PDB file of N, CA and C in Angstrom:
ATOM      1  N   MET A   1      37.151 -13.179 -65.075  1.00  0.00           N
ATOM      2  CA  MET A   1      35.902 -12.675 -63.911  1.00  0.00           C
ATOM      3  C   MET A   1      34.899 -12.161 -64.546  1.00  0.00           C
ATOM      4  N   THR A   2      33.584 -12.455 -64.226  1.00  0.00           N
ATOM      5  CA  THR A   2      32.203 -11.865 -64.740  1.00  0.00           C
ATOM      6  C   THR A   2      31.751 -10.673 -64.083  1.00  0.00           C
ATOM      7  N   GLY A   3      32.702  -9.966 -63.165  1.00  0.00           N
ATOM      8  CA  GLY A   3      32.358  -8.811 -62.660  1.00  0.00           C
ATOM      9  C   GLY A   3      31.383  -8.948 -61.378  1.00  0.00           C
ATOM     10  N   GLN A   4      31.098 -10.442 -61.343  1.00  0.00           N
ATOM     11  CA  GLN A   4      30.318 -10.522 -60.084  1.00  0.00           C
ATOM     12  C   GLN A   4      30.945 -10.692 -58.828  1.00  0.00           C
ATOM     13  N   GLU A   5      30.745 -10.448 -57.716  1.00  0.00           N
ATOM     14  CA  GLU A   5      31.650 -10.426 -56.348  1.00  0.00           C
ATOM     15  C   GLU A   5      30.907 -12.020 -56.067  1.00  0.00           C
ATOM     16  N   THR A   6      31.818 -12.846 -55.708  1.00  0.00           N
ATOM     17  CA  THR A   6      31.395 -14.126 -55.011  1.00  0.00           C
ATOM     18  C   THR A   6      31.632 -14.049 -53.619  1.00  0.00           C
ATOM     19  N   HIS A   7      30.735 -14.855 -52.722  1.00  0.00           N
ATOM     20  CA  HIS A   7      31.030 -14.779 -51.318  1.00  0.00           C
ATOM     21  C   HIS A   7      30.958 -16.348 -50.836  1.00  0.00           C
ATOM     22  N   PRO A   8      31.897 -16.773 -50.024  1.00  0.00           N
ATOM     23  CA  PRO A   8      32.070 -18.012 -49.484  1.00  0.00           C
ATOM     24  C   PRO A   8      30.757 -18.212 -48.830  1.00  0.00           C
ATOM     25  N   MET A   9      30.253 -19.388 -48.991  1.00  0.00           N
ATOM     26  CA  MET A   9      29.122 -19.951 -48.282  1.00  0.00           C
ATOM     27  C   MET A   9      29.645 -20.153 -46.724  1.00  0.00           C
ATOM     28  N   PRO A  10      28.749 -19.595 -45.689  1.00  0.00           N
ATOM     29  CA  PRO A  10      29.083 -19.632 -44.354  1.00  0.00           C
ATOM     30  C   PRO A  10      28.885 -21.029 -43.756  1.00  0.00           C
ATOM     31  N   ASP A  11      30.006 -21.429 -42.902  1.00  0.00           N
ATOM     32  CA  ASP A  11      29.428 -22.529 -42.244  1.00  0.00           C
ATOM     33  C   ASP A  11      28.018 -22.636 -41.136  1.00  0.00           C
ATOM     34  N   GLN A  12      27.280 -23.499 -41.754  1.00  0.00           N
ATOM     35  CA  GLN A  12      25.978 -23.260 -40.576  1.00  0.00           C
ATOM     36  C   GLN A  12      26.002 -23.024 -39.331  1.00  0.00           C
ATOM     37  N   GLY A  13      27.188 -23.830 -38.726  1.00  0.00           N
ATOM     38  CA  GLY A  13      27.244 -23.725 -37.332  1.00  0.00           C
ATOM     39  C   GLY A  13      27.697 -21.952 -37.066  1.00  0.00           C
ATOM     40  N   ASP A  14      28.608 -21.654 -37.779  1.00  0.00           N
ATOM     41  CA  ASP A  14      28.885 -20.016 -37.487  1.00  0.00           C
ATOM     42  C   ASP A  14      27.680 -19.080 -38.070  1.00  0.00           C
ATOM     43  N   TYR A  15      27.018 -19.526 -39.114  1.00  0.00           N
ATOM     44  CA  TYR A  15      25.866 -18.719 -39.296  1.00  0.00           C
ATOM     45  C   TYR A  15      25.011 -18.602 -38.156  1.00  0.00           C
ATOM     46  N   HIS A  16      24.377 -19.892 -37.610  1.00  0.00           N
ATOM     47  CA  HIS A  16      23.439 -19.796 -36.715  1.00  0.00           C
ATOM     48  C   HIS A  16      23.975 -19.197 -35.260  1.00  0.00           C
ATOM     49  N   LYS A  17      25.338 -19.284 -34.983  1.00  0.00           N
ATOM     50  CA  LYS A  17      26.066 -18.939 -33.686  1.00  0.00           C
ATOM     51  C   LYS A  17      25.789 -17.161 -34.134  1.00  0.00           C
ATOM     52  N   ALA A  18      26.045 -17.085 -35.090  1.00  0.00           N
ATOM     53  CA  ALA A  18      26.042 -14.991 -35.505  1.00  0.00           C
ATOM     54  C   ALA A  18      24.487 -14.575 -35.134  1.00  0.00           C
ATOM     55  N   LYS A  19      23.636 -15.576 -35.506  1.00  0.00           N
ATOM     56  CA  LYS A  19      22.281 -14.804 -35.422  1.00  0.00           C
ATOM     57  C   LYS A  19      22.133 -14.901 -33.773  1.00  0.00           C
ATOM     58  N   ARG A  20      22.263 -15.829 -33.293  1.00  0.00           N
ATOM     59  CA  ARG A  20      22.266 -15.808 -31.813  1.00  0.00           C
ATOM     60  C   ARG A  20      22.942 -14.878 -31.150  1.00  0.00           C
ATOM     61  N   ASP A  21      24.273 -14.579 -31.581  1.00  0.00           N
ATOM     62  CA  ASP A  21      25.153 -13.462 -31.122  1.00  0.00           C
ATOM     63  C   ASP A  21      24.393 -12.181 -31.320  1.00  0.00           C
ATOM     64  N   LEU A  22      23.746 -11.986 -32.695  1.00  0.00           N
ATOM     65  CA  LEU A  22      22.916 -10.508 -32.929  1.00  0.00           C
ATOM     66  C   LEU A  22      21.744 -10.582 -31.966  1.00  0.00           C
ATOM     67  N   LEU A  23      21.049 -11.564 -31.877  1.00  0.00           N
ATOM     68  CA  LEU A  23      19.990 -11.701 -30.752  1.00  0.00           C
ATOM     69  C   LEU A  23      20.167 -11.091 -29.357  1.00  0.00           C
ATOM     70  N   ARG A  24      21.600 -11.694 -28.924  1.00  0.00           N
ATOM     71  CA  ARG A  24      21.747 -11.437 -27.621  1.00  0.00           C
ATOM     72  C   ARG A  24      22.147  -9.895 -27.229  1.00  0.00           C
ATOM     73  N   LEU A  25      22.832  -9.501 -28.471  1.00  0.00           N
ATOM     74  CA  LEU A  25      23.350  -8.114 -28.306  1.00  0.00           C
ATOM     75  C   LEU A  25      21.974  -7.188 -28.351  1.00  0.00           C
ATOM     76  N   GLY A  26      21.138  -7.477 -29.061  1.00  0.00           N
ATOM     77  CA  GLY A  26      19.965  -6.685 -29.303  1.00  0.00           C
ATOM     78  C   GLY A  26      19.132  -6.764 -27.890  1.00  0.00           C
ATOM     79  N   VAL A  27      19.015  -7.897 -27.537  1.00  0.00           N
ATOM     80  CA  VAL A  27      18.497  -7.902 -26.162  1.00  0.00           C
ATOM     81  C   VAL A  27      19.261  -7.139 -24.882  1.00  0.00           C
ATOM     82  N   GLU A  28      20.520  -7.242 -25.055  1.00  0.00           N
ATOM     83  CA  GLU A  28      21.055  -6.334 -24.065  1.00  0.00           C
ATOM     84  C   GLU A  28      21.166  -4.965 -24.180  1.00  0.00           C
ATOM     85  N   ARG A  29      21.110  -4.646 -25.492  1.00  0.00           N
ATOM     86  CA  ARG A  29      21.157  -3.072 -25.717  1.00  0.00           C
ATOM     87  C   ARG A  29      19.630  -2.689 -26.298  1.00  0.00           C
ATOM     88  N   GLY A  30      18.506  -3.289 -26.624  1.00  0.00           N
ATOM     89  CA  GLY A  30      17.511  -2.919 -27.050  1.00  0.00           C
ATOM     90  C   GLY A  30      17.631  -2.614 -28.312  1.00  0.00           C
ATOM     91  N   TYR A  31      18.462  -2.650 -29.179  1.00  0.00           N
ATOM     92  CA  TYR A  31      18.725  -2.208 -30.795  1.00  0.00           C
ATOM     93  C   TYR A  31      19.671  -2.918 -31.089  1.00  0.00           C
ATOM     94  N   LEU A  32      19.611  -3.194 -32.572  1.00  0.00           N
ATOM     95  CA  LEU A  32      20.919  -3.334 -33.432  1.00  0.00           C
ATOM     96  C   LEU A  32      20.941  -2.604 -34.571  1.00  0.00           C
ATOM     97  N   ARG A  33      22.045  -2.224 -34.962  1.00  0.00           N
ATOM     98  CA  ARG A  33      22.281  -1.566 -36.204  1.00  0.00           C
ATOM     99  C   ARG A  33      22.134  -2.241 -37.536  1.00  0.00           C
ATOM    100  N   THR A  34      21.988  -1.833 -38.387  1.00  0.00           N
ATOM    101  CA  THR A  34      21.665  -2.417 -39.891  1.00  0.00           C
ATOM    102  C   THR A  34      22.759  -2.670 -40.304  1.00  0.00           C
ATOM    103  N   SER A  35      24.104  -2.007 -39.886  1.00  0.00           N
ATOM    104  CA  SER A  35      25.366  -2.506 -40.255  1.00  0.00           C
ATOM    105  C   SER A  35      25.679  -3.792 -39.520  1.00  0.00           C
ATOM    106  N   GLU A  36      25.363  -3.943 -38.433  1.00  0.00           N
ATOM    107  CA  GLU A  36      25.903  -5.446 -37.709  1.00  0.00           C
ATOM    108  C   GLU A  36      24.976  -6.123 -37.922  1.00  0.00           C
ATOM    109  N   ILE A  37      23.812  -6.094 -38.668  1.00  0.00           N
ATOM    110  CA  ILE A  37      23.009  -7.450 -39.089  1.00  0.00           C
ATOM    111  C   ILE A  37      23.490  -7.766 -40.427  1.00  0.00           C
ATOM    112  N   ARG A  38      23.836  -6.738 -41.439  1.00  0.00           N
ATOM    113  CA  ARG A  38      24.462  -7.021 -42.755  1.00  0.00           C
ATOM    114  C   ARG A  38      25.812  -7.523 -42.449  1.00  0.00           C
ATOM    115  N   GLU A  39      26.621  -7.198 -41.694  1.00  0.00           N
ATOM    116  CA  GLU A  39      27.945  -7.866 -41.531  1.00  0.00           C
ATOM    117  C   GLU A  39      27.631  -9.390 -41.029  1.00  0.00           C
ATOM    118  N   LYS A  40      27.072  -9.366 -40.086  1.00  0.00           N
ATOM    119  CA  LYS A  40      27.003 -11.047 -39.473  1.00  0.00           C
ATOM    120  C   LYS A  40      25.879 -11.978 -40.701  1.00  0.00           C
ATOM    121  N   MET A  41      24.949 -11.495 -41.187  1.00  0.00           N
ATOM    122  CA  MET A  41      24.131 -12.113 -41.806  1.00  0.00           C
ATOM    123  C   MET A  41      24.176 -11.612 -43.496  1.00  0.00           C
ATOM    124  N   PRO A  42      25.182 -11.723 -44.340  1.00  0.00           N
ATOM    125  CA  PRO A  42      25.389 -11.309 -45.588  1.00  0.00           C
ATOM    126  C   PRO A  42      24.155 -12.039 -46.587  1.00  0.00           C
ATOM    127  N   ALA A  43      23.558 -10.942 -47.199  1.00  0.00           N
ATOM    128  CA  ALA A  43      22.506 -10.895 -48.225  1.00  0.00           C
ATOM    129  C   ALA A  43      22.704 -12.033 -49.204  1.00  0.00           C
ATOM    130  N   PRO A  44      24.056 -12.327 -49.775  1.00  0.00           N
ATOM    131  CA  PRO A  44      24.029 -13.377 -50.890  1.00  0.00           C
ATOM    132  C   PRO A  44      23.602 -14.799 -50.211  1.00  0.00           C
ATOM    133  N   HIS A  45      23.507 -14.995 -48.837  1.00  0.00           N
ATOM    134  CA  HIS A  45      23.508 -16.200 -48.413  1.00  0.00           C
ATOM    135  C   HIS A  45      22.025 -16.214 -47.525  1.00  0.00           C
ATOM    136  N   LEU A  46      21.194 -15.238 -47.674  1.00  0.00           N
ATOM    137  CA  LEU A  46      20.100 -15.172 -46.779  1.00  0.00           C
ATOM    138  C   LEU A  46      18.821 -14.744 -47.976  1.00  0.00           C
ATOM    139  N   GLY A  47      18.109 -15.576 -47.617  1.00  0.00           N
ATOM    140  CA  GLY A  47      16.865 -15.530 -48.217  1.00  0.00           C
ATOM    141  C   GLY A  47      16.005 -14.240 -47.872  1.00  0.00           C
ATOM    142  N   ILE A  48      14.936 -14.070 -48.453  1.00  0.00           N
ATOM    143  CA  ILE A  48      13.973 -13.058 -48.180  1.00  0.00           C
ATOM    144  C   ILE A  48      13.122 -13.683 -46.688  1.00  0.00           C
ATOM    145  N   ALA A  49      12.679 -14.710 -46.960  1.00  0.00           N
ATOM    146  CA  ALA A  49      11.651 -15.299 -46.045  1.00  0.00           C
ATOM    147  C   ALA A  49      12.518 -15.523 -44.617  1.00  0.00           C
ATOM    148  N   GLU A  50      13.936 -15.813 -44.864  1.00  0.00           N
ATOM    149  CA  GLU A  50      14.557 -16.145 -43.615  1.00  0.00           C
ATOM    150  C   GLU A  50      14.815 -14.467 -42.910  1.00  0.00           C
ATOM    151  N   LEU A  51      15.350 -13.597 -43.804  1.00  0.00           N
ATOM    152  CA  LEU A  51      15.323 -12.512 -43.280  1.00  0.00           C
ATOM    153  C   LEU A  51      14.121 -11.830 -42.501  1.00  0.00           C
ATOM    154  N   GLU A  52      12.927 -11.883 -43.264  1.00  0.00           N
ATOM    155  CA  GLU A  52      11.913 -11.674 -42.665  1.00  0.00           C
ATOM    156  C   GLU A  52      11.675 -12.356 -41.178  1.00  0.00           C
ATOM    157  N   LEU A  53      11.859 -13.551 -41.211  1.00  0.00           N
ATOM    158  CA  LEU A  53      11.923 -14.191 -39.825  1.00  0.00           C
ATOM    159  C   LEU A  53      12.669 -13.564 -38.842  1.00  0.00           C
ATOM    160  N   PHE A  54      13.768 -13.506 -38.818  1.00  0.00           N
ATOM    161  CA  PHE A  54      14.593 -12.855 -38.256  1.00  0.00           C
ATOM    162  C   PHE A  54      14.070 -11.187 -37.606  1.00  0.00           C
ATOM    163  N   PHE A  55      13.710 -10.664 -38.578  1.00  0.00           N
ATOM    164  CA  PHE A  55      13.007  -9.221 -38.268  1.00  0.00           C
ATOM    165  C   PHE A  55      11.850  -9.579 -37.425  1.00  0.00           C
ATOM    166  N   PHE A  56      11.032 -10.535 -37.539  1.00  0.00           N
ATOM    167  CA  PHE A  56       9.763 -10.675 -36.687  1.00  0.00           C
ATOM    168  C   PHE A  56      10.521 -11.283 -35.499  1.00  0.00           C
ATOM    169  N   ALA A  57      11.468 -11.930 -35.227  1.00  0.00           N
ATOM    170  CA  ALA A  57      12.035 -12.382 -34.133  1.00  0.00           C
ATOM    171  C   ALA A  57      12.509 -11.119 -33.109  1.00  0.00           C
ATOM    172  N   LEU A  58      12.923 -10.387 -33.911  1.00  0.00           N
ATOM    173  CA  LEU A  58      13.558  -9.178 -33.293  1.00  0.00           C
ATOM    174  C   LEU A  58      12.469  -8.367 -32.751  1.00  0.00           C
ATOM    175  N   GLU A  59      11.449  -7.986 -33.716  1.00  0.00           N
ATOM    176  CA  GLU A  59      10.276  -7.142 -33.125  1.00  0.00           C
ATOM    177  C   GLU A  59       9.724  -7.982 -31.876  1.00  0.00           C
ATOM    178  N   ALA A  60       9.495  -9.092 -31.953  1.00  0.00           N
ATOM    179  CA  ALA A  60       8.837 -10.192 -30.779  1.00  0.00           C
ATOM    180  C   ALA A  60       9.852  -9.897 -29.296  1.00  0.00           C
ATOM    181  N   LEU A  61      11.126  -9.662 -29.600  1.00  0.00           N
ATOM    182  CA  LEU A  61      11.861  -9.500 -28.317  1.00  0.00           C
ATOM    183  C   LEU A  61      11.905  -7.903 -28.115  1.00  0.00           C
ATOM    184  N   GLY A  62      11.499  -6.900 -28.798  1.00  0.00           N
ATOM    185  CA  GLY A  62      11.516  -5.850 -28.640  1.00  0.00           C
ATOM    186  C   GLY A  62      12.731  -5.001 -28.986  1.00  0.00           C
ATOM    187  N   ILE A  63      13.358  -5.734 -29.946  1.00  0.00           N
ATOM    188  CA  ILE A  63      14.538  -4.981 -30.330  1.00  0.00           C
ATOM    189  C   ILE A  63      14.365  -4.186 -31.530  1.00  0.00           C
ATOM    190  N   ARG A  64      14.873  -2.894 -31.378  1.00  0.00           N
ATOM    191  CA  ARG A  64      14.991  -1.984 -32.428  1.00  0.00           C
ATOM    192  C   ARG A  64      15.809  -2.140 -33.407  1.00  0.00           C
ATOM    193  N   VAL A  65      15.513  -1.857 -34.702  1.00  0.00           N
ATOM    194  CA  VAL A  65      16.579  -1.674 -35.641  1.00  0.00           C
ATOM    195  C   VAL A  65      16.531  -0.559 -36.122  1.00  0.00           C
ATOM    196  N   VAL A  66      18.040   0.163 -36.080  1.00  0.00           N
ATOM    197  CA  VAL A  66      18.413   1.455 -36.119  1.00  0.00           C
ATOM    198  C   VAL A  66      19.565   1.619 -37.314  1.00  0.00           C
ATOM    199  N   GLU A  67      19.028   2.675 -38.263  1.00  0.00           N
ATOM    200  CA  GLU A  67      20.368   2.787 -39.264  1.00  0.00           C
ATOM    201  C   GLU A  67      21.454   3.548 -38.910  1.00  0.00           C
ATOM    202  N   ASP A  68      22.587   3.284 -39.709  1.00  0.00           N
ATOM    203  CA  ASP A  68      23.549   3.984 -39.429  1.00  0.00           C
ATOM    204  C   ASP A  68      23.997   5.134 -39.654  1.00  0.00           C
ATOM    205  N   VAL A  69      22.950   6.104 -39.294  1.00  0.00           N
ATOM    206  CA  VAL A  69      23.111   7.573 -39.560  1.00  0.00           C
ATOM    207  C   VAL A  69      23.875   8.237 -38.087  1.00  0.00           C
ATOM    208  N   THR A  70      24.807   9.043 -38.784  1.00  0.00           N
ATOM    209  CA  THR A  70      25.633   9.487 -37.570  1.00  0.00           C
ATOM    210  C   THR A  70      25.138  10.763 -37.223  1.00  0.00           C
ATOM    211  N   LYS A  71      25.432  11.054 -35.821  1.00  0.00           N
ATOM    212  CA  LYS A  71      25.016  12.304 -35.311  1.00  0.00           C
ATOM    213  C   LYS A  71      26.037  13.277 -35.501  1.00  0.00           C
ATOM    214  N   LYS A  72      27.614  12.831 -34.956  1.00  0.00           N
ATOM    215  CA  LYS A  72      28.599  13.343 -35.353  1.00  0.00           C
ATOM    216  C   LYS A  72      29.731  12.381 -36.164  1.00  0.00           C
ATOM    217  N   GLU A  73      30.561  12.801 -36.576  1.00  0.00           N
ATOM    218  CA  GLU A  73      31.422  11.833 -37.210  1.00  0.00           C
ATOM    219  C   GLU A  73      32.070  10.834 -36.430  1.00  0.00           C
ATOM    220  N   GLY A  74      31.588   9.650 -36.698  1.00  0.00           N
ATOM    221  CA  GLY A  74      32.261   8.232 -35.797  1.00  0.00           C
ATOM    222  C   GLY A  74      31.397   8.081 -34.743  1.00  0.00           C
ATOM    223  N   GLU A  75      30.177   8.686 -34.647  1.00  0.00           N
ATOM    224  CA  GLU A  75      29.247   8.601 -33.357  1.00  0.00           C
ATOM    225  C   GLU A  75      27.976   8.032 -34.039  1.00  0.00           C
ATOM    226  N   ALA A  76      27.361   6.799 -33.956  1.00  0.00           N
ATOM    227  CA  ALA A  76      26.411   6.137 -34.522  1.00  0.00           C
ATOM    228  C   ALA A  76      25.148   6.471 -33.533  1.00  0.00           C
ATOM    229  N   VAL A  77      24.055   6.566 -34.254  1.00  0.00           N
ATOM    230  CA  VAL A  77      22.804   6.533 -33.605  1.00  0.00           C
ATOM    231  C   VAL A  77      22.569   5.413 -32.639  1.00  0.00           C
ATOM    232  N   GLY A  78      22.427   5.554 -31.261  1.00  0.00           N
ATOM    233  CA  GLY A  78      22.162   4.659 -30.375  1.00  0.00           C
ATOM    234  C   GLY A  78      23.187   4.505 -29.468  1.00  0.00           C
ATOM    235  N   GLN A  79      24.509   4.997 -29.708  1.00  0.00           N
ATOM    236  CA  GLN A  79      25.532   5.045 -28.736  1.00  0.00           C
ATOM    237  C   GLN A  79      25.403   6.003 -27.741  1.00  0.00           C
TER     238      GLN A  79
END
């Protein structure tokens, strides 16, 4: 192995569903956590332009993106 981690390409239908699910969750709560975005939209398969468009959509919908900084152990910001 070359030491580089490989990631399977997501199915396009699953990938677009993941984006829609994130948008729905963000609209319901008013925010998304960075960990939720990273989990559903893994960087190896996401171009910078596409990520910028996604963040533009979040901003247009009034959805904040919050860091996963904990107030207390196990309790994330926004809970």
